[in-house]
N, C-alpha and C. Protein backbone atom coordinates (compact mmCIF):
# COMPACT_ATOMS: atom_id res chain seq x y z
N MET A 1 10.56 -7.86 -18.34
CA MET A 1 9.96 -6.52 -18.43
C MET A 1 9.48 -6.28 -19.87
N ARG A 2 8.32 -5.70 -20.01
CA ARG A 2 7.76 -5.46 -21.32
C ARG A 2 8.53 -4.36 -22.03
N ARG A 3 8.77 -4.52 -23.33
CA ARG A 3 9.49 -3.51 -24.10
C ARG A 3 8.66 -2.23 -24.16
N PRO A 4 9.33 -1.05 -24.15
CA PRO A 4 8.60 0.22 -24.13
C PRO A 4 7.64 0.38 -25.29
N VAL A 5 8.06 -0.02 -26.52
CA VAL A 5 7.19 0.16 -27.68
C VAL A 5 5.94 -0.68 -27.54
N SER A 6 6.11 -1.92 -27.11
CA SER A 6 4.95 -2.80 -26.94
C SER A 6 4.00 -2.26 -25.87
N LEU A 7 4.57 -1.76 -24.78
CA LEU A 7 3.75 -1.21 -23.71
C LEU A 7 2.97 -0.01 -24.21
N PHE A 8 3.62 0.85 -24.95
CA PHE A 8 2.92 2.04 -25.44
C PHE A 8 1.80 1.67 -26.40
N ARG A 9 2.04 0.67 -27.25
CA ARG A 9 0.99 0.24 -28.17
C ARG A 9 -0.20 -0.32 -27.39
N ASP A 10 0.10 -1.05 -26.31
CA ASP A 10 -1.00 -1.56 -25.47
C ASP A 10 -1.79 -0.42 -24.87
N LEU A 11 -1.09 0.62 -24.42
CA LEU A 11 -1.78 1.77 -23.85
C LEU A 11 -2.62 2.47 -24.90
N LEU A 12 -2.11 2.58 -26.12
CA LEU A 12 -2.89 3.17 -27.20
C LEU A 12 -4.15 2.36 -27.48
N PHE A 13 -4.00 1.03 -27.45
CA PHE A 13 -5.16 0.18 -27.70
C PHE A 13 -6.23 0.38 -26.64
N VAL A 14 -5.81 0.41 -25.37
CA VAL A 14 -6.77 0.63 -24.28
C VAL A 14 -7.40 2.01 -24.40
N ALA A 15 -6.56 3.02 -24.69
CA ALA A 15 -7.10 4.37 -24.84
C ALA A 15 -8.10 4.42 -25.98
N GLY A 16 -7.79 3.69 -27.05
CA GLY A 16 -8.72 3.66 -28.18
C GLY A 16 -10.05 3.05 -27.82
N LEU A 17 -10.01 1.97 -27.06
CA LEU A 17 -11.26 1.34 -26.63
C LEU A 17 -12.09 2.30 -25.79
N LEU A 18 -11.45 2.96 -24.84
CA LEU A 18 -12.16 3.89 -23.97
C LEU A 18 -12.69 5.08 -24.74
N LEU A 19 -11.95 5.50 -25.76
CA LEU A 19 -12.35 6.68 -26.51
C LEU A 19 -13.49 6.39 -27.47
N PHE A 20 -13.42 5.26 -28.17
CA PHE A 20 -14.37 5.04 -29.25
C PHE A 20 -15.57 4.18 -28.87
N LEU A 21 -15.48 3.45 -27.76
CA LEU A 21 -16.64 2.66 -27.36
C LEU A 21 -17.86 3.53 -27.10
N PRO A 22 -17.74 4.65 -26.34
CA PRO A 22 -18.92 5.49 -26.14
C PRO A 22 -19.46 6.05 -27.44
N ILE A 23 -18.57 6.38 -28.37
CA ILE A 23 -19.03 6.90 -29.66
C ILE A 23 -19.82 5.84 -30.40
N SER A 24 -19.28 4.61 -30.42
CA SER A 24 -19.95 3.54 -31.14
C SER A 24 -21.32 3.24 -30.56
N LEU A 25 -21.42 3.20 -29.23
CA LEU A 25 -22.69 2.89 -28.59
C LEU A 25 -23.71 4.00 -28.82
N ALA A 26 -23.26 5.23 -28.80
CA ALA A 26 -24.18 6.35 -28.90
C ALA A 26 -24.68 6.56 -30.31
N HIS A 27 -23.84 6.19 -31.31
CA HIS A 27 -24.19 6.55 -32.68
C HIS A 27 -24.27 5.34 -33.61
N ALA A 28 -24.36 4.15 -33.04
CA ALA A 28 -24.35 2.95 -33.88
C ALA A 28 -25.53 2.93 -34.82
N ALA A 29 -26.66 3.51 -34.40
CA ALA A 29 -27.87 3.44 -35.22
C ALA A 29 -27.93 4.53 -36.27
N SER A 30 -27.01 5.44 -36.28
CA SER A 30 -27.07 6.55 -37.23
C SER A 30 -25.82 6.58 -38.08
N ALA A 31 -25.97 7.12 -39.29
CA ALA A 31 -24.83 7.22 -40.19
C ALA A 31 -23.94 8.37 -39.75
N GLU A 32 -22.63 8.14 -39.86
CA GLU A 32 -21.69 9.19 -39.51
C GLU A 32 -20.42 8.99 -40.31
N ASN A 33 -19.72 10.07 -40.49
CA ASN A 33 -18.41 10.03 -41.14
C ASN A 33 -17.34 10.26 -40.08
N ARG A 34 -16.26 9.51 -40.18
CA ARG A 34 -15.15 9.67 -39.24
C ARG A 34 -13.89 9.99 -40.05
N VAL A 35 -13.34 11.16 -39.82
CA VAL A 35 -12.13 11.56 -40.52
C VAL A 35 -11.10 11.99 -39.49
N ALA A 36 -9.85 11.72 -39.79
CA ALA A 36 -8.77 12.02 -38.84
C ALA A 36 -7.54 12.54 -39.57
N LEU A 37 -6.86 13.43 -38.90
CA LEU A 37 -5.57 13.92 -39.36
C LEU A 37 -4.53 13.55 -38.31
N VAL A 38 -3.49 12.82 -38.72
CA VAL A 38 -2.42 12.39 -37.82
C VAL A 38 -1.12 13.03 -38.28
N ILE A 39 -0.52 13.84 -37.41
CA ILE A 39 0.73 14.54 -37.72
C ILE A 39 1.83 14.03 -36.80
N GLY A 40 2.92 13.57 -37.39
CA GLY A 40 4.09 13.13 -36.62
C GLY A 40 5.31 13.93 -37.03
N GLN A 41 5.82 14.73 -36.10
CA GLN A 41 6.96 15.61 -36.37
C GLN A 41 8.22 15.02 -35.74
N SER A 42 9.10 14.51 -36.56
CA SER A 42 10.29 13.82 -36.05
C SER A 42 11.59 14.45 -36.53
N ALA A 43 11.72 14.68 -37.83
CA ALA A 43 12.99 15.08 -38.44
C ALA A 43 13.21 16.60 -38.35
N TYR A 44 13.34 17.10 -37.12
CA TYR A 44 13.60 18.53 -36.96
C TYR A 44 15.00 18.86 -37.47
N ARG A 45 15.12 20.01 -38.10
CA ARG A 45 16.38 20.36 -38.76
C ARG A 45 17.36 21.07 -37.83
N ALA A 46 16.86 21.87 -36.91
CA ALA A 46 17.75 22.67 -36.06
C ALA A 46 18.03 22.02 -34.71
N VAL A 47 17.31 20.96 -34.37
CA VAL A 47 17.47 20.28 -33.08
C VAL A 47 17.43 18.77 -33.33
N PRO A 48 17.83 17.96 -32.34
CA PRO A 48 17.81 16.50 -32.53
C PRO A 48 16.42 15.99 -32.89
N ALA A 49 16.40 14.93 -33.67
CA ALA A 49 15.14 14.33 -34.12
C ALA A 49 14.38 13.71 -32.97
N LEU A 50 13.06 13.52 -33.19
CA LEU A 50 12.19 12.86 -32.22
C LEU A 50 11.65 11.57 -32.86
N PRO A 51 12.41 10.49 -32.82
CA PRO A 51 11.94 9.26 -33.47
C PRO A 51 10.64 8.74 -32.90
N ASN A 52 10.39 8.98 -31.62
CA ASN A 52 9.14 8.49 -31.02
C ASN A 52 7.92 9.12 -31.64
N ALA A 53 8.04 10.37 -32.07
CA ALA A 53 6.89 11.06 -32.67
C ALA A 53 6.45 10.35 -33.95
N GLU A 54 7.40 9.94 -34.76
CA GLU A 54 7.06 9.22 -35.98
C GLU A 54 6.41 7.88 -35.65
N ASN A 55 6.97 7.17 -34.68
CA ASN A 55 6.41 5.87 -34.30
C ASN A 55 5.01 6.02 -33.72
N ASP A 56 4.82 7.04 -32.89
CA ASP A 56 3.50 7.27 -32.30
C ASP A 56 2.47 7.61 -33.36
N GLY A 57 2.89 8.40 -34.34
CA GLY A 57 1.98 8.76 -35.42
C GLY A 57 1.53 7.54 -36.21
N LYS A 58 2.47 6.65 -36.51
CA LYS A 58 2.12 5.43 -37.24
C LYS A 58 1.18 4.55 -36.43
N ALA A 59 1.46 4.41 -35.13
CA ALA A 59 0.61 3.58 -34.28
C ALA A 59 -0.80 4.17 -34.17
N MET A 60 -0.89 5.49 -34.03
CA MET A 60 -2.20 6.11 -33.92
C MET A 60 -2.98 6.04 -35.23
N ALA A 61 -2.30 6.20 -36.35
CA ALA A 61 -2.97 6.08 -37.65
C ALA A 61 -3.57 4.70 -37.83
N GLU A 62 -2.83 3.68 -37.40
CA GLU A 62 -3.33 2.31 -37.49
C GLU A 62 -4.52 2.11 -36.56
N LEU A 63 -4.42 2.64 -35.36
CA LEU A 63 -5.51 2.51 -34.40
C LEU A 63 -6.78 3.18 -34.92
N LEU A 64 -6.64 4.38 -35.45
CA LEU A 64 -7.81 5.11 -35.93
C LEU A 64 -8.41 4.45 -37.17
N THR A 65 -7.56 3.93 -38.04
CA THR A 65 -8.07 3.23 -39.21
C THR A 65 -8.91 2.03 -38.79
N ASN A 66 -8.42 1.28 -37.81
CA ASN A 66 -9.17 0.13 -37.30
C ASN A 66 -10.47 0.55 -36.62
N ALA A 67 -10.52 1.79 -36.13
CA ALA A 67 -11.73 2.30 -35.48
C ALA A 67 -12.71 2.90 -36.48
N GLY A 68 -12.41 2.80 -37.76
CA GLY A 68 -13.35 3.26 -38.78
C GLY A 68 -13.12 4.67 -39.27
N PHE A 69 -11.97 5.25 -38.97
CA PHE A 69 -11.67 6.60 -39.44
C PHE A 69 -10.99 6.56 -40.80
N ASP A 70 -11.31 7.55 -41.62
CA ASP A 70 -10.58 7.80 -42.86
C ASP A 70 -9.41 8.71 -42.49
N VAL A 71 -8.20 8.14 -42.46
CA VAL A 71 -7.06 8.82 -41.87
C VAL A 71 -6.18 9.47 -42.93
N THR A 72 -5.83 10.72 -42.70
CA THR A 72 -4.79 11.40 -43.45
C THR A 72 -3.55 11.47 -42.56
N ALA A 73 -2.49 10.78 -42.96
CA ALA A 73 -1.26 10.76 -42.17
C ALA A 73 -0.24 11.70 -42.82
N ALA A 74 0.32 12.57 -42.00
CA ALA A 74 1.32 13.52 -42.49
C ALA A 74 2.47 13.56 -41.49
N ARG A 75 3.69 13.64 -42.00
CA ARG A 75 4.83 13.69 -41.08
C ARG A 75 5.89 14.64 -41.60
N ASP A 76 6.66 15.16 -40.66
CA ASP A 76 7.79 16.04 -40.95
C ASP A 76 7.37 17.22 -41.82
N LEU A 77 6.42 17.99 -41.30
CA LEU A 77 5.85 19.11 -42.05
C LEU A 77 6.59 20.41 -41.73
N SER A 78 6.88 21.18 -42.77
CA SER A 78 7.35 22.55 -42.59
C SER A 78 6.17 23.43 -42.20
N GLN A 79 6.43 24.68 -41.89
CA GLN A 79 5.34 25.57 -41.50
C GLN A 79 4.30 25.69 -42.61
N ASN A 80 4.74 25.94 -43.84
CA ASN A 80 3.80 26.07 -44.95
C ASN A 80 3.05 24.77 -45.19
N ASP A 81 3.76 23.65 -45.10
CA ASP A 81 3.11 22.35 -45.31
C ASP A 81 2.09 22.06 -44.21
N MET A 82 2.41 22.42 -42.97
CA MET A 82 1.47 22.17 -41.89
C MET A 82 0.20 23.00 -42.06
N ARG A 83 0.37 24.25 -42.42
CA ARG A 83 -0.81 25.09 -42.63
C ARG A 83 -1.65 24.58 -43.78
N GLN A 84 -1.00 24.16 -44.86
CA GLN A 84 -1.75 23.64 -46.00
C GLN A 84 -2.44 22.33 -45.65
N THR A 85 -1.76 21.48 -44.88
CA THR A 85 -2.37 20.21 -44.48
C THR A 85 -3.60 20.43 -43.61
N ILE A 86 -3.52 21.38 -42.69
CA ILE A 86 -4.67 21.70 -41.85
C ILE A 86 -5.81 22.25 -42.69
N SER A 87 -5.48 23.10 -43.65
CA SER A 87 -6.51 23.66 -44.53
C SER A 87 -7.19 22.58 -45.36
N ASP A 88 -6.38 21.67 -45.91
CA ASP A 88 -6.95 20.57 -46.70
C ASP A 88 -7.83 19.67 -45.85
N PHE A 89 -7.41 19.41 -44.61
CA PHE A 89 -8.20 18.57 -43.72
C PHE A 89 -9.52 19.26 -43.38
N ALA A 90 -9.48 20.56 -43.14
CA ALA A 90 -10.70 21.30 -42.85
C ALA A 90 -11.67 21.21 -44.02
N ALA A 91 -11.15 21.25 -45.24
CA ALA A 91 -12.01 21.12 -46.41
C ALA A 91 -12.66 19.74 -46.46
N ARG A 92 -11.90 18.71 -46.08
CA ARG A 92 -12.47 17.36 -46.03
C ARG A 92 -13.57 17.27 -44.99
N VAL A 93 -13.33 17.86 -43.83
CA VAL A 93 -14.34 17.84 -42.77
C VAL A 93 -15.61 18.55 -43.24
N ALA A 94 -15.44 19.71 -43.88
CA ALA A 94 -16.61 20.45 -44.35
C ALA A 94 -17.39 19.66 -45.40
N ALA A 95 -16.66 18.96 -46.28
CA ALA A 95 -17.32 18.19 -47.33
C ALA A 95 -18.00 16.93 -46.79
N SER A 96 -17.61 16.50 -45.60
CA SER A 96 -18.16 15.27 -45.02
C SER A 96 -19.52 15.48 -44.36
N GLY A 97 -19.88 16.74 -44.11
CA GLY A 97 -21.20 17.02 -43.57
C GLY A 97 -21.24 17.17 -42.06
N PRO A 98 -22.39 17.61 -41.53
CA PRO A 98 -22.51 17.91 -40.10
C PRO A 98 -22.52 16.69 -39.19
N ASP A 99 -22.66 15.48 -39.74
CA ASP A 99 -22.62 14.27 -38.92
C ASP A 99 -21.21 13.69 -38.82
N THR A 100 -20.22 14.51 -39.05
CA THR A 100 -18.83 14.06 -39.07
C THR A 100 -18.19 14.13 -37.69
N ILE A 101 -17.42 13.10 -37.37
CA ILE A 101 -16.53 13.13 -36.21
C ILE A 101 -15.14 13.43 -36.75
N ALA A 102 -14.57 14.57 -36.35
CA ALA A 102 -13.26 15.00 -36.83
C ALA A 102 -12.25 14.89 -35.71
N LEU A 103 -11.14 14.21 -35.95
CA LEU A 103 -10.11 14.00 -34.94
C LEU A 103 -8.75 14.43 -35.49
N VAL A 104 -8.00 15.12 -34.66
CA VAL A 104 -6.63 15.51 -35.00
C VAL A 104 -5.69 14.98 -33.92
N PHE A 105 -4.65 14.28 -34.33
CA PHE A 105 -3.60 13.81 -33.43
C PHE A 105 -2.29 14.44 -33.85
N TYR A 106 -1.59 15.04 -32.88
CA TYR A 106 -0.30 15.67 -33.15
C TYR A 106 0.74 15.10 -32.21
N ALA A 107 1.87 14.65 -32.78
CA ALA A 107 3.02 14.21 -31.99
C ALA A 107 4.23 14.99 -32.46
N GLY A 108 4.93 15.60 -31.52
CA GLY A 108 6.11 16.40 -31.87
C GLY A 108 6.38 17.43 -30.78
N HIS A 109 7.19 18.41 -31.09
CA HIS A 109 7.49 19.46 -30.14
C HIS A 109 6.31 20.43 -30.03
N GLY A 110 6.07 20.92 -28.81
CA GLY A 110 5.09 21.96 -28.57
C GLY A 110 5.70 23.03 -27.69
N LEU A 111 5.36 24.29 -27.94
CA LEU A 111 5.91 25.40 -27.16
C LEU A 111 4.80 26.33 -26.73
N GLN A 112 5.01 27.00 -25.61
CA GLN A 112 4.11 28.08 -25.21
C GLN A 112 4.93 29.34 -24.98
N ILE A 113 4.43 30.42 -25.53
CA ILE A 113 5.05 31.73 -25.36
C ILE A 113 3.97 32.67 -24.83
N ASP A 114 4.17 33.18 -23.62
CA ASP A 114 3.20 34.08 -22.99
C ASP A 114 1.80 33.46 -22.97
N GLY A 115 1.73 32.15 -22.67
CA GLY A 115 0.44 31.48 -22.56
C GLY A 115 -0.17 31.05 -23.88
N GLU A 116 0.48 31.37 -24.99
CA GLU A 116 0.00 30.97 -26.32
C GLU A 116 0.71 29.70 -26.73
N ASN A 117 -0.07 28.69 -27.19
CA ASN A 117 0.48 27.40 -27.57
C ASN A 117 0.81 27.36 -29.06
N TYR A 118 1.91 26.69 -29.37
CA TYR A 118 2.35 26.57 -30.76
C TYR A 118 2.75 25.13 -31.07
N LEU A 119 2.32 24.66 -32.25
CA LEU A 119 2.83 23.43 -32.81
C LEU A 119 4.10 23.76 -33.59
N VAL A 120 5.09 22.89 -33.53
CA VAL A 120 6.42 23.24 -34.04
C VAL A 120 6.72 22.50 -35.35
N PRO A 121 6.79 23.22 -36.46
CA PRO A 121 7.20 22.61 -37.73
C PRO A 121 8.67 22.19 -37.68
N ILE A 122 9.07 21.35 -38.63
CA ILE A 122 10.44 20.84 -38.60
C ILE A 122 11.46 21.88 -39.03
N ASP A 123 11.03 22.97 -39.71
CA ASP A 123 11.96 23.97 -40.20
C ASP A 123 12.11 25.17 -39.25
N VAL A 124 11.58 25.05 -38.03
CA VAL A 124 11.72 26.14 -37.06
C VAL A 124 13.16 26.24 -36.58
N ASP A 125 13.67 27.46 -36.53
CA ASP A 125 15.02 27.70 -36.02
C ASP A 125 15.05 29.07 -35.36
N PRO A 126 14.40 29.20 -34.20
CA PRO A 126 14.27 30.51 -33.57
C PRO A 126 15.56 30.96 -32.89
N LYS A 127 15.83 32.24 -33.02
CA LYS A 127 16.97 32.85 -32.33
C LYS A 127 16.52 33.68 -31.13
N ARG A 128 15.24 33.96 -31.08
CA ARG A 128 14.67 34.75 -29.99
C ARG A 128 13.20 34.38 -29.86
N GLU A 129 12.59 34.73 -28.74
CA GLU A 129 11.19 34.39 -28.49
C GLU A 129 10.26 34.93 -29.57
N ALA A 130 10.56 36.12 -30.08
CA ALA A 130 9.68 36.74 -31.08
C ALA A 130 9.64 35.98 -32.39
N ASP A 131 10.59 35.05 -32.61
CA ASP A 131 10.60 34.27 -33.85
C ASP A 131 9.52 33.19 -33.87
N ILE A 132 9.09 32.72 -32.70
CA ILE A 132 8.15 31.61 -32.65
C ILE A 132 6.81 31.93 -33.33
N PRO A 133 6.16 33.06 -33.05
CA PRO A 133 4.90 33.35 -33.76
C PRO A 133 5.08 33.44 -35.28
N LEU A 134 6.28 33.77 -35.73
CA LEU A 134 6.53 33.89 -37.17
C LEU A 134 6.84 32.55 -37.82
N GLN A 135 7.42 31.63 -37.06
CA GLN A 135 7.89 30.37 -37.65
C GLN A 135 7.03 29.16 -37.31
N ALA A 136 6.29 29.21 -36.22
CA ALA A 136 5.49 28.06 -35.79
C ALA A 136 4.03 28.22 -36.20
N VAL A 137 3.18 27.31 -35.73
CA VAL A 137 1.75 27.32 -36.05
C VAL A 137 0.97 27.38 -34.75
N ARG A 138 0.14 28.41 -34.61
CA ARG A 138 -0.65 28.58 -33.39
C ARG A 138 -1.66 27.45 -33.25
N LEU A 139 -1.71 26.86 -32.06
CA LEU A 139 -2.71 25.83 -31.81
C LEU A 139 -4.11 26.41 -31.96
N ASN A 140 -4.31 27.64 -31.56
CA ASN A 140 -5.64 28.23 -31.67
C ASN A 140 -6.09 28.41 -33.12
N ASP A 141 -5.14 28.55 -34.04
CA ASP A 141 -5.52 28.62 -35.45
C ASP A 141 -6.15 27.30 -35.89
N LEU A 142 -5.56 26.20 -35.44
CA LEU A 142 -6.14 24.89 -35.74
C LEU A 142 -7.52 24.74 -35.09
N LEU A 143 -7.62 25.11 -33.82
CA LEU A 143 -8.88 24.97 -33.09
C LEU A 143 -9.97 25.84 -33.72
N ASN A 144 -9.63 27.06 -34.06
CA ASN A 144 -10.63 27.96 -34.64
C ASN A 144 -11.06 27.50 -36.02
N THR A 145 -10.13 26.95 -36.79
CA THR A 145 -10.48 26.45 -38.12
C THR A 145 -11.49 25.32 -38.04
N LEU A 146 -11.24 24.36 -37.16
CA LEU A 146 -12.16 23.24 -37.00
C LEU A 146 -13.44 23.67 -36.29
N GLY A 147 -13.30 24.62 -35.34
CA GLY A 147 -14.47 25.05 -34.59
C GLY A 147 -15.50 25.78 -35.43
N ALA A 148 -15.08 26.32 -36.57
CA ALA A 148 -16.00 27.04 -37.44
C ALA A 148 -16.82 26.10 -38.32
N LEU A 149 -16.51 24.81 -38.29
CA LEU A 149 -17.18 23.84 -39.17
C LEU A 149 -18.28 23.11 -38.42
N PRO A 150 -19.41 22.84 -39.07
CA PRO A 150 -20.48 22.05 -38.43
C PRO A 150 -20.08 20.58 -38.38
N THR A 151 -19.93 20.04 -37.18
CA THR A 151 -19.56 18.64 -36.99
C THR A 151 -20.35 18.06 -35.83
N ARG A 152 -20.39 16.75 -35.77
CA ARG A 152 -21.01 16.09 -34.62
C ARG A 152 -20.08 16.13 -33.41
N MET A 153 -18.80 15.94 -33.66
CA MET A 153 -17.83 15.95 -32.57
C MET A 153 -16.46 16.31 -33.14
N ARG A 154 -15.69 17.06 -32.33
CA ARG A 154 -14.31 17.38 -32.67
C ARG A 154 -13.41 16.89 -31.54
N ILE A 155 -12.35 16.18 -31.89
CA ILE A 155 -11.44 15.62 -30.90
C ILE A 155 -10.02 16.04 -31.25
N LEU A 156 -9.32 16.57 -30.28
CA LEU A 156 -7.92 16.96 -30.46
C LEU A 156 -7.07 16.19 -29.46
N MET A 157 -6.02 15.53 -29.95
CA MET A 157 -5.10 14.77 -29.11
C MET A 157 -3.70 15.31 -29.34
N LEU A 158 -3.08 15.80 -28.27
CA LEU A 158 -1.73 16.36 -28.36
C LEU A 158 -0.76 15.48 -27.58
N ASP A 159 0.24 14.97 -28.26
CA ASP A 159 1.31 14.21 -27.64
C ASP A 159 2.57 15.04 -27.81
N ALA A 160 2.65 16.14 -27.05
CA ALA A 160 3.67 17.17 -27.28
C ALA A 160 4.81 17.05 -26.28
N CYS A 161 6.02 17.07 -26.79
CA CYS A 161 7.20 17.00 -25.94
C CYS A 161 7.29 18.24 -25.07
N ARG A 162 7.50 18.05 -23.78
CA ARG A 162 7.54 19.17 -22.85
C ARG A 162 8.92 19.83 -22.79
N ASN A 163 9.95 19.16 -23.26
CA ASN A 163 11.29 19.72 -23.20
C ASN A 163 11.48 20.76 -24.29
N ASN A 164 11.92 21.95 -23.92
CA ASN A 164 12.20 22.99 -24.89
C ASN A 164 13.57 22.72 -25.51
N PRO A 165 13.63 22.41 -26.82
CA PRO A 165 14.91 22.02 -27.42
C PRO A 165 15.74 23.20 -27.93
N PHE A 166 15.19 24.40 -27.86
CA PHE A 166 15.86 25.55 -28.46
C PHE A 166 16.60 26.34 -27.39
N PRO A 167 17.93 26.33 -27.42
CA PRO A 167 18.71 27.00 -26.37
C PRO A 167 18.39 28.48 -26.22
N ALA A 168 18.09 29.16 -27.32
CA ALA A 168 17.83 30.60 -27.25
C ALA A 168 16.55 30.92 -26.49
N LEU A 169 15.69 29.91 -26.29
CA LEU A 169 14.39 30.15 -25.65
C LEU A 169 14.31 29.53 -24.26
N ASN A 170 15.36 28.94 -23.79
CA ASN A 170 15.31 28.21 -22.52
C ASN A 170 14.91 29.08 -21.33
N GLN A 171 15.20 30.36 -21.40
CA GLN A 171 14.89 31.24 -20.28
C GLN A 171 13.54 31.93 -20.42
N THR A 172 12.89 31.77 -21.58
CA THR A 172 11.67 32.52 -21.82
C THR A 172 10.46 31.63 -22.09
N ALA A 173 10.66 30.53 -22.81
CA ALA A 173 9.53 29.69 -23.19
C ALA A 173 9.10 28.83 -22.01
N GLY A 174 7.79 28.59 -21.89
CA GLY A 174 7.27 27.72 -20.85
C GLY A 174 7.57 26.27 -21.15
N HIS A 175 7.49 25.43 -20.14
CA HIS A 175 7.71 24.00 -20.30
C HIS A 175 6.39 23.33 -20.64
N GLY A 176 6.29 22.81 -21.88
CA GLY A 176 5.06 22.17 -22.31
C GLY A 176 4.02 23.19 -22.74
N LEU A 177 2.84 22.68 -23.07
CA LEU A 177 1.75 23.53 -23.54
C LEU A 177 0.93 24.05 -22.37
N ALA A 178 0.39 25.25 -22.55
CA ALA A 178 -0.50 25.81 -21.54
C ALA A 178 -1.86 25.14 -21.64
N THR A 179 -2.52 24.92 -20.52
CA THR A 179 -3.84 24.31 -20.50
C THR A 179 -4.86 25.28 -21.05
N ARG A 180 -5.65 24.80 -22.01
CA ARG A 180 -6.70 25.62 -22.60
C ARG A 180 -8.03 24.97 -22.30
N ARG A 181 -9.04 25.76 -21.94
CA ARG A 181 -10.35 25.21 -21.61
C ARG A 181 -11.41 25.87 -22.48
N PRO A 182 -12.45 25.11 -22.87
CA PRO A 182 -13.52 25.67 -23.68
C PRO A 182 -14.35 26.65 -22.88
N ARG A 183 -15.12 27.45 -23.59
CA ARG A 183 -15.94 28.45 -22.91
C ARG A 183 -17.14 27.85 -22.22
N THR A 184 -17.64 26.73 -22.74
CA THR A 184 -18.88 26.18 -22.23
C THR A 184 -18.67 25.15 -21.13
N ALA A 185 -17.58 24.38 -21.20
CA ALA A 185 -17.35 23.33 -20.22
C ALA A 185 -15.88 22.96 -20.24
N PRO A 186 -15.33 22.49 -19.11
CA PRO A 186 -13.92 22.11 -19.09
C PRO A 186 -13.66 20.91 -19.97
N ALA A 187 -12.53 20.92 -20.65
CA ALA A 187 -12.16 19.82 -21.52
C ALA A 187 -11.49 18.73 -20.71
N PRO A 188 -11.87 17.46 -20.94
CA PRO A 188 -11.20 16.38 -20.22
C PRO A 188 -9.76 16.25 -20.68
N THR A 189 -8.88 15.91 -19.76
CA THR A 189 -7.48 15.70 -20.11
C THR A 189 -7.06 14.36 -19.58
N ALA A 190 -6.09 13.76 -20.25
CA ALA A 190 -5.60 12.45 -19.83
C ALA A 190 -4.13 12.35 -20.11
N PRO A 191 -3.32 11.95 -19.12
CA PRO A 191 -1.88 11.78 -19.35
C PRO A 191 -1.60 10.49 -20.09
N THR A 192 -0.49 10.46 -20.82
CA THR A 192 -0.04 9.23 -21.45
C THR A 192 1.37 8.95 -20.99
N ARG A 193 1.85 7.78 -21.36
CA ARG A 193 3.20 7.37 -20.97
C ARG A 193 4.22 8.36 -21.53
N PRO A 194 5.19 8.81 -20.72
CA PRO A 194 6.21 9.74 -21.20
C PRO A 194 6.95 9.18 -22.40
N ARG A 195 7.17 10.04 -23.42
CA ARG A 195 7.84 9.59 -24.63
C ARG A 195 9.10 10.40 -24.92
N CYS A 196 9.38 11.43 -24.11
CA CYS A 196 10.58 12.23 -24.32
C CYS A 196 11.66 11.76 -23.36
N SER A 197 12.80 12.40 -23.50
CA SER A 197 13.91 12.00 -22.64
C SER A 197 13.60 12.29 -21.18
N ARG A 198 12.78 13.32 -20.92
CA ARG A 198 12.43 13.65 -19.53
C ARG A 198 10.93 13.44 -19.30
N SER A 199 10.12 14.17 -20.02
CA SER A 199 8.68 14.01 -19.79
C SER A 199 7.92 14.49 -21.01
N ARG A 200 6.71 14.02 -21.10
CA ARG A 200 5.85 14.40 -22.21
C ARG A 200 4.41 14.40 -21.72
N SER A 201 3.60 15.29 -22.28
CA SER A 201 2.22 15.35 -21.85
C SER A 201 1.31 15.12 -23.04
N SER A 202 0.12 14.60 -22.76
CA SER A 202 -0.87 14.39 -23.82
C SER A 202 -2.20 14.90 -23.31
N ARG A 203 -2.91 15.61 -24.14
CA ARG A 203 -4.21 16.12 -23.76
C ARG A 203 -5.23 15.72 -24.81
N ILE A 204 -6.44 15.39 -24.36
CA ILE A 204 -7.53 15.05 -25.26
C ILE A 204 -8.66 16.04 -24.99
N CYS A 205 -9.10 16.73 -26.03
CA CYS A 205 -10.16 17.72 -25.88
C CYS A 205 -11.31 17.34 -26.79
N ARG A 206 -12.50 17.34 -26.25
CA ARG A 206 -13.68 17.01 -27.05
C ARG A 206 -14.69 18.15 -26.97
N SER A 207 -15.49 18.25 -28.00
CA SER A 207 -16.62 19.15 -27.94
C SER A 207 -17.73 18.59 -28.81
N ARG A 208 -18.94 18.71 -28.36
CA ARG A 208 -20.10 18.27 -29.13
C ARG A 208 -20.89 19.51 -29.55
N LYS A 209 -21.45 19.44 -30.75
CA LYS A 209 -22.25 20.58 -31.16
C LYS A 209 -23.48 20.65 -30.26
N PRO A 210 -24.04 21.84 -29.97
CA PRO A 210 -23.68 23.06 -30.66
C PRO A 210 -22.62 23.87 -29.95
N SER A 211 -21.76 23.25 -29.12
CA SER A 211 -20.74 24.00 -28.42
C SER A 211 -19.69 24.49 -29.38
N SER A 212 -18.83 25.39 -28.91
CA SER A 212 -17.77 25.94 -29.74
C SER A 212 -16.63 24.96 -29.80
N ALA A 213 -15.47 25.39 -30.38
CA ALA A 213 -14.32 24.51 -30.52
C ALA A 213 -13.91 23.96 -29.17
N SER A 214 -13.24 22.79 -29.21
CA SER A 214 -12.91 22.12 -27.97
C SER A 214 -11.97 22.91 -27.10
N ALA A 215 -11.21 23.81 -27.67
CA ALA A 215 -10.39 24.71 -26.87
C ALA A 215 -10.41 26.05 -27.55
N SER A 216 -10.51 27.11 -26.81
CA SER A 216 -10.57 28.42 -27.40
C SER A 216 -9.61 29.35 -26.71
N PRO A 217 -9.22 30.42 -27.44
CA PRO A 217 -8.28 31.34 -26.82
C PRO A 217 -8.86 32.01 -25.61
């Protein structure tokens, strides 16, 4: 039987071929910039660590680098660090020009509260549902930040753990992220191999200009 890590890397390789082959064929004759932000959240302070998130982030960073992306890899970000990292990446995208393909990959915990999706920093320690908007990072903030920039294509890949690790929220928080769709056309989604103790979901959202962000509130 194939080892889980090897199998997952094979799946990443196949997914990479399917993802980037159309881009290469469509834009081979024109100059373009490819920039990526890879976030791996593993060393959570208030709940058990997610070692797979760190491994997935490293594998994806390598895959994207081989695909011609200029990759910024970040791991184990606090709320302030995550916001600053997203801001710095947005500045890179803006400086790269309108022919840029911008990709963000996130691996770690994800939560939804009342249909709102949140990326979970490592320093989150909620005692009640109302703490999540104060301590986490709204997915829509990331989408809106990138959606305001002129780009050729924006790609978001979420490898978010569906298990809610916070006991205080087990009765209120949804399981996994809520599905978000763009205003102009439905975003394609694709499952990946489960990476959590029970289940994990991955979504890929694309948008081409002049459409809006790949997912909107």
